[in-house]
PDB file of N, CA and C in Angstrom:
ATOM      1  N   MET A   1    -111.976-136.364   6.501  1.00  0.00           N
ATOM      2  CA  MET A   1    -112.018-136.646   5.048  1.00  0.00           C
ATOM      3  C   MET A   1    -111.281-137.431   4.535  1.00  0.00           C
ATOM      4  N   LYS A   2    -109.709-137.020   5.469  1.00  0.00           N
ATOM      5  CA  LYS A   2    -108.388-137.519   5.201  1.00  0.00           C
ATOM      6  C   LYS A   2    -108.497-138.962   5.587  1.00  0.00           C
ATOM      7  N   ALA A   3    -108.816-139.432   6.577  1.00  0.00           N
ATOM      8  CA  ALA A   3    -109.307-140.960   6.893  1.00  0.00           C
ATOM      9  C   ALA A   3    -110.239-141.281   5.859  1.00  0.00           C
ATOM     10  N   ARG A   4    -111.016-140.810   5.245  1.00  0.00           N
ATOM     11  CA  ARG A   4    -111.585-141.653   4.509  1.00  0.00           C
ATOM     12  C   ARG A   4    -110.956-141.535   2.971  1.00  0.00           C
ATOM     13  N   GLU A   5    -110.291-140.681   2.707  1.00  0.00           N
ATOM     14  CA  GLU A   5    -109.628-140.759   1.585  1.00  0.00           C
ATOM     15  C   GLU A   5    -108.327-141.798   1.398  1.00  0.00           C
ATOM     16  N   ARG A   6    -108.117-141.525   2.538  1.00  0.00           N
ATOM     17  CA  ARG A   6    -106.665-142.775   3.275  1.00  0.00           C
ATOM     18  C   ARG A   6    -107.324-144.168   2.333  1.00  0.00           C
ATOM     19  N   PHE A   7    -109.093-144.666   3.295  1.00  0.00           N
ATOM     20  CA  PHE A   7    -109.421-145.676   3.674  1.00  0.00           C
ATOM     21  C   PHE A   7    -109.316-146.302   1.907  1.00  0.00           C
ATOM     22  N   HIS A   8    -110.028-145.426   0.785  1.00  0.00           N
ATOM     23  CA  HIS A   8    -110.444-145.479  -0.026  1.00  0.00           C
ATOM     24  C   HIS A   8    -108.759-145.902  -1.251  1.00  0.00           C
ATOM     25  N   ILE A   9    -107.597-144.685  -0.813  1.00  0.00           N
ATOM     26  CA  ILE A   9    -106.377-145.332  -1.750  1.00  0.00           C
ATOM     27  C   ILE A   9    -106.034-146.614  -1.397  1.00  0.00           C
ATOM     28  N   GLU A  10    -106.431-147.170  -0.319  1.00  0.00           N
ATOM     29  CA  GLU A  10    -105.533-148.496   0.605  1.00  0.00           C
ATOM     30  C   GLU A  10    -106.399-149.735  -0.011  1.00  0.00           C
ATOM     31  N   ASN A  11    -107.503-149.652  -0.251  1.00  0.00           N
ATOM     32  CA  ASN A  11    -108.428-150.381  -0.084  1.00  0.00           C
ATOM     33  C   ASN A  11    -108.741-150.313  -1.931  1.00  0.00           C
ATOM     34  N   ASN A  12    -108.493-149.665  -2.864  1.00  0.00           N
ATOM     35  CA  ASN A  12    -108.191-149.613  -4.217  1.00  0.00           C
ATOM     36  C   ASN A  12    -107.369-149.302  -5.040  1.00  0.00           C
ATOM     37  N   GLU A  13    -107.311-150.193  -6.476  1.00  0.00           N
ATOM     38  CA  GLU A  13    -106.063-149.896  -7.526  1.00  0.00           C
ATOM     39  C   GLU A  13    -106.046-147.988  -7.298  1.00  0.00           C
ATOM     40  N   CYS A  14    -104.794-147.472  -7.181  1.00  0.00           N
ATOM     41  CA  CYS A  14    -105.277-146.136  -7.060  1.00  0.00           C
ATOM     42  C   CYS A  14    -103.919-145.830  -7.793  1.00  0.00           C
ATOM     43  N   VAL A  15    -103.738-144.781  -8.713  1.00  0.00           N
ATOM     44  CA  VAL A  15    -102.257-143.903  -8.945  1.00  0.00           C
ATOM     45  C   VAL A  15    -101.790-143.131  -7.993  1.00  0.00           C
ATOM     46  N   ASN A  16    -102.644-142.475  -7.192  1.00  0.00           N
ATOM     47  CA  ASN A  16    -102.160-141.720  -6.043  1.00  0.00           C
ATOM     48  C   ASN A  16    -101.013-142.661  -5.504  1.00  0.00           C
ATOM     49  N   ASN A  17     -99.763-142.116  -4.984  1.00  0.00           N
ATOM     50  CA  ASN A  17     -98.654-142.549  -4.461  1.00  0.00           C
ATOM     51  C   ASN A  17     -99.135-141.863  -2.846  1.00  0.00           C
ATOM     52  N   TYR A  18     -99.640-140.919  -2.962  1.00  0.00           N
ATOM     53  CA  TYR A  18     -99.547-140.244  -1.291  1.00  0.00           C
ATOM     54  C   TYR A  18    -101.102-140.466  -0.763  1.00  0.00           C
ATOM     55  N   ILE A  19    -100.580-141.105   0.641  1.00  0.00           N
ATOM     56  CA  ILE A  19    -101.810-141.156   1.339  1.00  0.00           C
ATOM     57  C   ILE A  19    -101.821-140.598   2.399  1.00  0.00           C
ATOM     58  N   PRO A  20    -102.830-139.939   2.426  1.00  0.00           N
ATOM     59  CA  PRO A  20    -102.794-139.033   3.540  1.00  0.00           C
ATOM     60  C   PRO A  20    -103.162-139.326   5.231  1.00  0.00           C
ATOM     61  N   GLY A  21    -102.313-138.443   5.692  1.00  0.00           N
ATOM     62  CA  GLY A  21    -102.234-138.937   7.433  1.00  0.00           C
ATOM     63  C   GLY A  21    -101.388-140.285   7.710  1.00  0.00           C
ATOM     64  N   ARG A  22    -100.635-140.752   6.691  1.00  0.00           N
ATOM     65  CA  ARG A  22     -99.485-141.512   6.905  1.00  0.00           C
ATOM     66  C   ARG A  22     -98.789-141.116   7.687  1.00  0.00           C
ATOM     67  N   THR A  23     -98.250-141.348   8.547  1.00  0.00           N
ATOM     68  CA  THR A  23     -97.240-141.109   9.670  1.00  0.00           C
ATOM     69  C   THR A  23     -95.694-141.443   8.843  1.00  0.00           C
ATOM     70  N   LYS A  24     -94.368-141.158   9.203  1.00  0.00           N
ATOM     71  CA  LYS A  24     -93.066-141.900   8.751  1.00  0.00           C
ATOM     72  C   LYS A  24     -93.150-142.813   9.139  1.00  0.00           C
ATOM     73  N   ARG A  25     -93.494-143.182  10.274  1.00  0.00           N
ATOM     74  CA  ARG A  25     -93.192-144.732  10.662  1.00  0.00           C
ATOM     75  C   ARG A  25     -94.103-145.749  10.311  1.00  0.00           C
ATOM     76  N   GLU A  26     -94.963-145.593   9.724  1.00  0.00           N
ATOM     77  CA  GLU A  26     -95.815-146.523   8.388  1.00  0.00           C
ATOM     78  C   GLU A  26     -95.669-146.268   7.476  1.00  0.00           C
ATOM     79  N   TYR A  27     -94.793-145.068   6.976  1.00  0.00           N
ATOM     80  CA  TYR A  27     -94.120-145.025   5.589  1.00  0.00           C
ATOM     81  C   TYR A  27     -93.266-146.376   5.862  1.00  0.00           C
ATOM     82  N   TYR A  28     -92.160-146.305   6.424  1.00  0.00           N
ATOM     83  CA  TYR A  28     -90.961-146.942   6.663  1.00  0.00           C
ATOM     84  C   TYR A  28     -91.626-148.411   6.923  1.00  0.00           C
ATOM     85  N   GLU A  29     -92.302-148.408   7.497  1.00  0.00           N
ATOM     86  CA  GLU A  29     -93.090-150.230   7.543  1.00  0.00           C
ATOM     87  C   GLU A  29     -93.318-150.537   6.582  1.00  0.00           C
ATOM     88  N   ASP A  30     -93.881-149.890   5.687  1.00  0.00           N
ATOM     89  CA  ASP A  30     -94.499-150.018   4.526  1.00  0.00           C
ATOM     90  C   ASP A  30     -93.382-150.679   3.380  1.00  0.00           C
ATOM     91  N   TYR A  31     -92.162-149.828   3.271  1.00  0.00           N
ATOM     92  CA  TYR A  31     -91.519-149.840   2.503  1.00  0.00           C
ATOM     93  C   TYR A  31     -90.452-150.314   3.207  1.00  0.00           C
ATOM     94  N   LYS A  32     -90.307-151.006   4.361  1.00  0.00           N
ATOM     95  CA  LYS A  32     -89.150-151.259   4.744  1.00  0.00           C
ATOM     96  C   LYS A  32     -87.735-152.122   4.319  1.00  0.00           C
ATOM     97  N   ASP A  33     -88.351-153.248   3.358  1.00  0.00           N
ATOM     98  CA  ASP A  33     -87.735-153.963   2.484  1.00  0.00           C
ATOM     99  C   ASP A  33     -86.965-153.115   1.568  1.00  0.00           C
ATOM    100  N   GLU A  34     -87.501-152.365   0.489  1.00  0.00           N
ATOM    101  CA  GLU A  34     -87.384-151.748  -0.459  1.00  0.00           C
ATOM    102  C   GLU A  34     -86.062-150.572  -0.068  1.00  0.00           C
ATOM    103  N   LEU A  35     -86.362-149.864   1.015  1.00  0.00           N
ATOM    104  CA  LEU A  35     -85.903-149.317   1.656  1.00  0.00           C
ATOM    105  C   LEU A  35     -83.888-149.718   1.810  1.00  0.00           C
ATOM    106  N   ASN A  36     -84.374-150.705   2.401  1.00  0.00           N
ATOM    107  CA  ASN A  36     -83.055-151.792   3.103  1.00  0.00           C
ATOM    108  C   ASN A  36     -82.218-152.044   2.118  1.00  0.00           C
ATOM    109  N   GLU A  37     -82.742-152.315   0.672  1.00  0.00           N
ATOM    110  CA  GLU A  37     -82.360-152.867  -0.529  1.00  0.00           C
ATOM    111  C   GLU A  37     -81.693-151.655  -1.043  1.00  0.00           C
ATOM    112  N   TYR A  38     -82.091-150.906  -1.595  1.00  0.00           N
ATOM    113  CA  TYR A  38     -81.857-149.070  -1.679  1.00  0.00           C
ATOM    114  C   TYR A  38     -80.303-148.986  -0.737  1.00  0.00           C
ATOM    115  N   ASN A  39     -80.441-149.429   0.100  1.00  0.00           N
ATOM    116  CA  ASN A  39     -79.372-148.524   0.895  1.00  0.00           C
ATOM    117  C   ASN A  39     -78.071-149.574   0.749  1.00  0.00           C
ATOM    118  N   ARG A  40     -78.757-150.630   0.566  1.00  0.00           N
ATOM    119  CA  ARG A  40     -77.640-151.838   0.272  1.00  0.00           C
ATOM    120  C   ARG A  40     -76.837-151.855  -1.352  1.00  0.00           C
ATOM    121  N   GLU A  41     -77.338-151.278  -2.182  1.00  0.00           N
ATOM    122  CA  GLU A  41     -77.145-151.622  -3.259  1.00  0.00           C
ATOM    123  C   GLU A  41     -76.211-149.918  -3.749  1.00  0.00           C
ATOM    124  N   ASN A  42     -76.492-149.091  -2.694  1.00  0.00           N
ATOM    125  CA  ASN A  42     -75.989-147.681  -2.749  1.00  0.00           C
ATOM    126  C   ASN A  42     -75.107-147.542  -1.711  1.00  0.00           C
ATOM    127  N   LYS A  43     -74.409-148.417  -1.130  1.00  0.00           N
ATOM    128  CA  LYS A  43     -73.778-148.283   0.044  1.00  0.00           C
ATOM    129  C   LYS A  43     -72.696-147.318  -0.058  1.00  0.00           C
ATOM    130  N   ASP A  44     -71.665-148.020  -0.902  1.00  0.00           N
ATOM    131  CA  ASP A  44     -70.498-147.221  -1.185  1.00  0.00           C
ATOM    132  C   ASP A  44     -70.481-145.503  -1.832  1.00  0.00           C
ATOM    133  N   LYS A  45     -72.343-145.073  -2.105  1.00  0.00           N
ATOM    134  CA  LYS A  45     -72.436-143.937  -2.272  1.00  0.00           C
ATOM    135  C   LYS A  45     -72.445-143.313  -1.189  1.00  0.00           C
ATOM    136  N   PHE A  46     -73.401-144.029  -0.012  1.00  0.00           N
ATOM    137  CA  PHE A  46     -73.160-143.320   1.387  1.00  0.00           C
ATOM    138  C   PHE A  46     -71.831-143.356   2.456  1.00  0.00           C
ATOM    139  N   TRP A  47     -71.359-144.314   2.592  1.00  0.00           N
ATOM    140  CA  TRP A  47     -70.140-144.701   3.037  1.00  0.00           C
ATOM    141  C   TRP A  47     -69.144-144.737   2.341  1.00  0.00           C
ATOM    142  N   THR A  48     -68.614-143.433   2.861  1.00  0.00           N
ATOM    143  CA  THR A  48     -66.990-143.681   2.226  1.00  0.00           C
ATOM    144  C   THR A  48     -65.823-143.081   3.347  1.00  0.00           C
ATOM    145  N   PRO A  49     -64.629-143.828   3.524  1.00  0.00           N
ATOM    146  CA  PRO A  49     -63.150-143.832   4.890  1.00  0.00           C
ATOM    147  C   PRO A  49     -63.335-141.967   4.856  1.00  0.00           C
ATOM    148  N   ASP A  50     -63.266-141.912   5.885  1.00  0.00           N
ATOM    149  CA  ASP A  50     -63.681-140.561   6.354  1.00  0.00           C
ATOM    150  C   ASP A  50     -62.281-139.727   5.587  1.00  0.00           C
ATOM    151  N   LYS A  51     -61.303-140.362   5.991  1.00  0.00           N
ATOM    152  CA  LYS A  51     -59.798-140.064   5.515  1.00  0.00           C
ATOM    153  C   LYS A  51     -60.134-139.435   4.101  1.00  0.00           C
ATOM    154  N   GLN A  52     -60.237-140.366   2.829  1.00  0.00           N
ATOM    155  CA  GLN A  52     -60.678-139.647   1.713  1.00  0.00           C
ATOM    156  C   GLN A  52     -61.575-138.531   1.552  1.00  0.00           C
ATOM    157  N   LYS A  53     -62.778-138.883   2.460  1.00  0.00           N
ATOM    158  CA  LYS A  53     -63.804-137.037   2.547  1.00  0.00           C
ATOM    159  C   LYS A  53     -62.902-136.074   2.982  1.00  0.00           C
ATOM    160  N   GLN A  54     -62.159-136.320   3.587  1.00  0.00           N
ATOM    161  CA  GLN A  54     -61.399-134.839   4.303  1.00  0.00           C
ATOM    162  C   GLN A  54     -60.258-134.855   3.407  1.00  0.00           C
ATOM    163  N   LYS A  55     -59.707-135.639   2.584  1.00  0.00           N
ATOM    164  CA  LYS A  55     -58.799-135.346   1.625  1.00  0.00           C
ATOM    165  C   LYS A  55     -59.550-134.187   0.484  1.00  0.00           C
ATOM    166  N   ILE A  56     -60.852-134.794  -0.060  1.00  0.00           N
ATOM    167  CA  ILE A  56     -61.172-134.042  -0.841  1.00  0.00           C
ATOM    168  C   ILE A  56     -62.013-132.955  -0.255  1.00  0.00           C
ATOM    169  N   ASN A  57     -62.200-132.747   0.900  1.00  0.00           N
ATOM    170  CA  ASN A  57     -62.883-131.079   1.161  1.00  0.00           C
ATOM    171  C   ASN A  57     -61.439-130.346   1.480  1.00  0.00           C
ATOM    172  N   TYR A  58     -60.344-130.843   1.845  1.00  0.00           N
ATOM    173  CA  TYR A  58     -59.202-129.846   1.802  1.00  0.00           C
ATOM    174  C   TYR A  58     -58.936-129.674   0.577  1.00  0.00           C
ATOM    175  N   ILE A  59     -58.421-130.243  -0.212  1.00  0.00           N
ATOM    176  CA  ILE A  59     -58.469-130.208  -2.031  1.00  0.00           C
ATOM    177  C   ILE A  59     -59.358-129.143  -2.344  1.00  0.00           C
ATOM    178  N   ALA A  60     -60.896-129.122  -2.400  1.00  0.00           N
ATOM    179  CA  ALA A  60     -62.181-128.268  -2.572  1.00  0.00           C
ATOM    180  C   ALA A  60     -61.451-127.148  -1.906  1.00  0.00           C
ATOM    181  N   ILE A  61     -61.349-126.838  -0.817  1.00  0.00           N
ATOM    182  CA  ILE A  61     -61.174-125.739   0.111  1.00  0.00           C
ATOM    183  C   ILE A  61     -59.827-124.794  -0.387  1.00  0.00           C
ATOM    184  N   ASP A  62     -58.511-125.723  -0.631  1.00  0.00           N
ATOM    185  CA  ASP A  62     -57.585-124.965  -0.868  1.00  0.00           C
ATOM    186  C   ASP A  62     -58.015-124.572  -2.593  1.00  0.00           C
ATOM    187  N   ASN A  63     -58.405-125.154  -3.455  1.00  0.00           N
ATOM    188  CA  ASN A  63     -58.319-124.844  -4.561  1.00  0.00           C
ATOM    189  C   ASN A  63     -59.516-123.339  -4.530  1.00  0.00           C
ATOM    190  N   SER A  64     -60.469-123.195  -3.755  1.00  0.00           N
ATOM    191  CA  SER A  64     -61.588-122.099  -3.719  1.00  0.00           C
ATOM    192  C   SER A  64     -60.422-121.361  -3.111  1.00  0.00           C
ATOM    193  N   ILE A  65     -60.169-121.310  -2.062  1.00  0.00           N
ATOM    194  CA  ILE A  65     -59.135-120.418  -1.684  1.00  0.00           C
ATOM    195  C   ILE A  65     -58.000-119.406  -2.807  1.00  0.00           C
ATOM    196  N   LYS A  66     -57.166-120.315  -3.338  1.00  0.00           N
ATOM    197  CA  LYS A  66     -56.321-120.132  -4.301  1.00  0.00           C
ATOM    198  C   LYS A  66     -57.079-119.484  -5.484  1.00  0.00           C
ATOM    199  N   ARG A  67     -58.342-119.338  -5.803  1.00  0.00           N
ATOM    200  CA  ARG A  67     -58.871-119.122  -6.952  1.00  0.00           C
ATOM    201  C   ARG A  67     -59.768-117.644  -6.780  1.00  0.00           C
ATOM    202  N   LEU A  68     -60.006-117.727  -4.880  1.00  0.00           N
ATOM    203  CA  LEU A  68     -60.244-116.143  -4.269  1.00  0.00           C
ATOM    204  C   LEU A  68     -59.517-115.152  -4.213  1.00  0.00           C
ATOM    205  N   MET A  69     -58.065-115.880  -3.948  1.00  0.00           N
ATOM    206  CA  MET A  69     -56.844-115.136  -3.883  1.00  0.00           C
ATOM    207  C   MET A  69     -56.400-114.506  -5.327  1.00  0.00           C
ATOM    208  N   GLN A  70     -56.480-115.494  -6.545  1.00  0.00           N
ATOM    209  CA  GLN A  70     -56.050-114.832  -7.520  1.00  0.00           C
ATOM    210  C   GLN A  70     -56.953-113.196  -7.712  1.00  0.00           C
ATOM    211  N   ASP A  71     -58.292-113.338  -7.561  1.00  0.00           N
ATOM    212  CA  ASP A  71     -59.193-112.184  -7.758  1.00  0.00           C
ATOM    213  C   ASP A  71     -59.138-111.123  -6.776  1.00  0.00           C
ATOM    214  N   ASP A  72     -58.210-109.922  -6.947  1.00  0.00           N
ATOM    215  CA  ASP A  72     -57.998-108.381  -6.322  1.00  0.00           C
ATOM    216  C   ASP A  72     -59.445-108.305  -5.801  1.00  0.00           C
ATOM    217  N   GLU A  73     -59.626-107.762  -7.008  1.00  0.00           N
ATOM    218  CA  GLU A  73     -61.398-107.346  -6.781  1.00  0.00           C
ATOM    219  C   GLU A  73     -62.317-107.887  -5.969  1.00  0.00           C
ATOM    220  N   PHE A  74     -62.409-109.124  -5.766  1.00  0.00           N
ATOM    221  CA  PHE A  74     -62.795-109.883  -4.944  1.00  0.00           C
ATOM    222  C   PHE A  74     -62.778-109.319  -3.494  1.00  0.00           C
ATOM    223  N   ILE A  75     -61.491-109.728  -3.173  1.00  0.00           N
ATOM    224  CA  ILE A  75     -61.021-109.173  -1.910  1.00  0.00           C
ATOM    225  C   ILE A  75     -61.015-108.010  -1.111  1.00  0.00           C
ATOM    226  N   LEU A  76     -60.890-106.964  -2.559  1.00  0.00           N
ATOM    227  CA  LEU A  76     -61.089-105.203  -2.023  1.00  0.00           C
ATOM    228  C   LEU A  76     -62.553-105.682  -1.651  1.00  0.00           C
ATOM    229  N   ARG A  77     -63.441-105.986  -2.810  1.00  0.00           N
ATOM    230  CA  ARG A  77     -65.211-105.712  -1.879  1.00  0.00           C
ATOM    231  C   ARG A  77     -65.586-106.512  -0.698  1.00  0.00           C
ATOM    232  N   PHE A  78     -64.740-107.651  -1.034  1.00  0.00           N
ATOM    233  CA  PHE A  78     -65.078-108.511   0.267  1.00  0.00           C
ATOM    234  C   PHE A  78     -64.492-107.430   1.848  1.00  0.00           C
ATOM    235  N   ILE A  79     -63.328-106.743   1.608  1.00  0.00           N
ATOM    236  CA  ILE A  79     -63.113-106.080   2.760  1.00  0.00           C
ATOM    237  C   ILE A  79     -63.606-104.852   3.011  1.00  0.00           C
ATOM    238  N   ASN A  80     -64.130-103.892   2.105  1.00  0.00           N
ATOM    239  CA  ASN A  80     -65.110-103.222   2.266  1.00  0.00           C
ATOM    240  C   ASN A  80     -66.354-103.646   2.244  1.00  0.00           C
ATOM    241  N   ALA A  81     -67.003-104.348   2.623  1.00  0.00           N
ATOM    242  CA  ALA A  81     -68.769-104.781   2.502  1.00  0.00           C
ATOM    243  C   ALA A  81     -67.972-105.774   3.988  1.00  0.00           C
ATOM    244  N   VAL A  82     -67.140-105.794   4.553  1.00  0.00           N
ATOM    245  CA  VAL A  82     -67.242-106.463   5.996  1.00  0.00           C
ATOM    246  C   VAL A  82     -66.857-105.193   6.695  1.00  0.00           C
ATOM    247  N   GLY A  83     -65.576-104.605   6.143  1.00  0.00           N
ATOM    248  CA  GLY A  83     -65.008-103.963   6.859  1.00  0.00           C
ATOM    249  C   GLY A  83     -63.960-104.327   7.959  1.00  0.00           C
ATOM    250  N   SER A  84     -62.742-103.670   7.776  1.00  0.00           N
ATOM    251  CA  SER A  84     -61.666-104.035   7.688  1.00  0.00           C
ATOM    252  C   SER A  84     -61.546-104.026   9.457  1.00  0.00           C
ATOM    253  N   GLU A  85     -62.198-103.420  10.303  1.00  0.00           N
ATOM    254  CA  GLU A  85     -62.268-104.127  11.352  1.00  0.00           C
ATOM    255  C   GLU A  85     -62.825-105.090  12.231  1.00  0.00           C
ATOM    256  N   LYS A  86     -63.361-105.706  11.576  1.00  0.00           N
ATOM    257  CA  LYS A  86     -64.120-107.014  11.549  1.00  0.00           C
ATOM    258  C   LYS A  86     -63.832-108.187  10.985  1.00  0.00           C
ATOM    259  N   LEU A  87     -62.352-107.989   9.904  1.00  0.00           N
ATOM    260  CA  LEU A  87     -62.041-108.635   9.292  1.00  0.00           C
ATOM    261  C   LEU A  87     -60.885-109.480  10.228  1.00  0.00           C
ATOM    262  N   LEU A  88     -59.854-109.158  10.906  1.00  0.00           N
ATOM    263  CA  LEU A  88     -59.200-109.963  11.831  1.00  0.00           C
ATOM    264  C   LEU A  88     -60.243-111.097  12.711  1.00  0.00           C
ATOM    265  N   PRO A  89     -60.803-110.575  12.821  1.00  0.00           N
ATOM    266  CA  PRO A  89     -61.436-111.823  14.103  1.00  0.00           C
ATOM    267  C   PRO A  89     -62.456-112.638  13.214  1.00  0.00           C
ATOM    268  N   LEU A  90     -63.009-112.538  12.073  1.00  0.00           N
ATOM    269  CA  LEU A  90     -63.565-113.343  11.227  1.00  0.00           C
ATOM    270  C   LEU A  90     -62.387-114.592  10.575  1.00  0.00           C
ATOM    271  N   MET A  91     -61.388-114.201  10.950  1.00  0.00           N
ATOM    272  CA  MET A  91     -60.366-114.941  10.355  1.00  0.00           C
ATOM    273  C   MET A  91     -59.440-115.382  11.108  1.00  0.00           C
ATOM    274  N   GLY A  92     -60.276-115.566  12.776  1.00  0.00           N
ATOM    275  CA  GLY A  92     -59.678-116.424  13.603  1.00  0.00           C
ATOM    276  C   GLY A  92     -58.637-115.933  14.614  1.00  0.00           C
ATOM    277  N   TYR A  93     -58.015-114.399  13.965  1.00  0.00           N
ATOM    278  CA  TYR A  93     -57.095-113.694  14.611  1.00  0.00           C
ATOM    279  C   TYR A  93     -57.609-113.051  16.038  1.00  0.00           C
ATOM    280  N   GLU A  94     -57.418-113.011  17.066  1.00  0.00           N
ATOM    281  CA  GLU A  94     -57.424-112.170  17.506  1.00  0.00           C
ATOM    282  C   GLU A  94     -57.140-110.368  17.913  1.00  0.00           C
ATOM    283  N   GLU A  95     -57.792-109.339  18.496  1.00  0.00           N
ATOM    284  CA  GLU A  95     -56.685-108.556  18.124  1.00  0.00           C
ATOM    285  C   GLU A  95     -56.094-107.945  19.247  1.00  0.00           C
ATOM    286  N   ILE A  96     -54.798-107.414  18.891  1.00  0.00           N
ATOM    287  CA  ILE A  96     -54.014-107.024  19.829  1.00  0.00           C
ATOM    288  C   ILE A  96     -53.864-105.776  20.272  1.00  0.00           C
TER     289      ILE A  96
END
């Protein structure tokens, strides 16, 4: 049934964009030029220098940690939920 539906969608003017039974490879082959053009136009969104990404990530992490450290109630709830004996290994410290 899917093969017959696909036949009608491909051979007739149709609103339906979904073609049943089409693989990812077939989709890529059909839209290869459009996908490449989209990637070229949006290259700056996809490819940023690694150093800039790392800097942004470090700033975001630092801000998150500062915000959480200001909230004493959050810290106490976290310690109670995790358990104090598991806290040091989670933070990356070894037990003495």
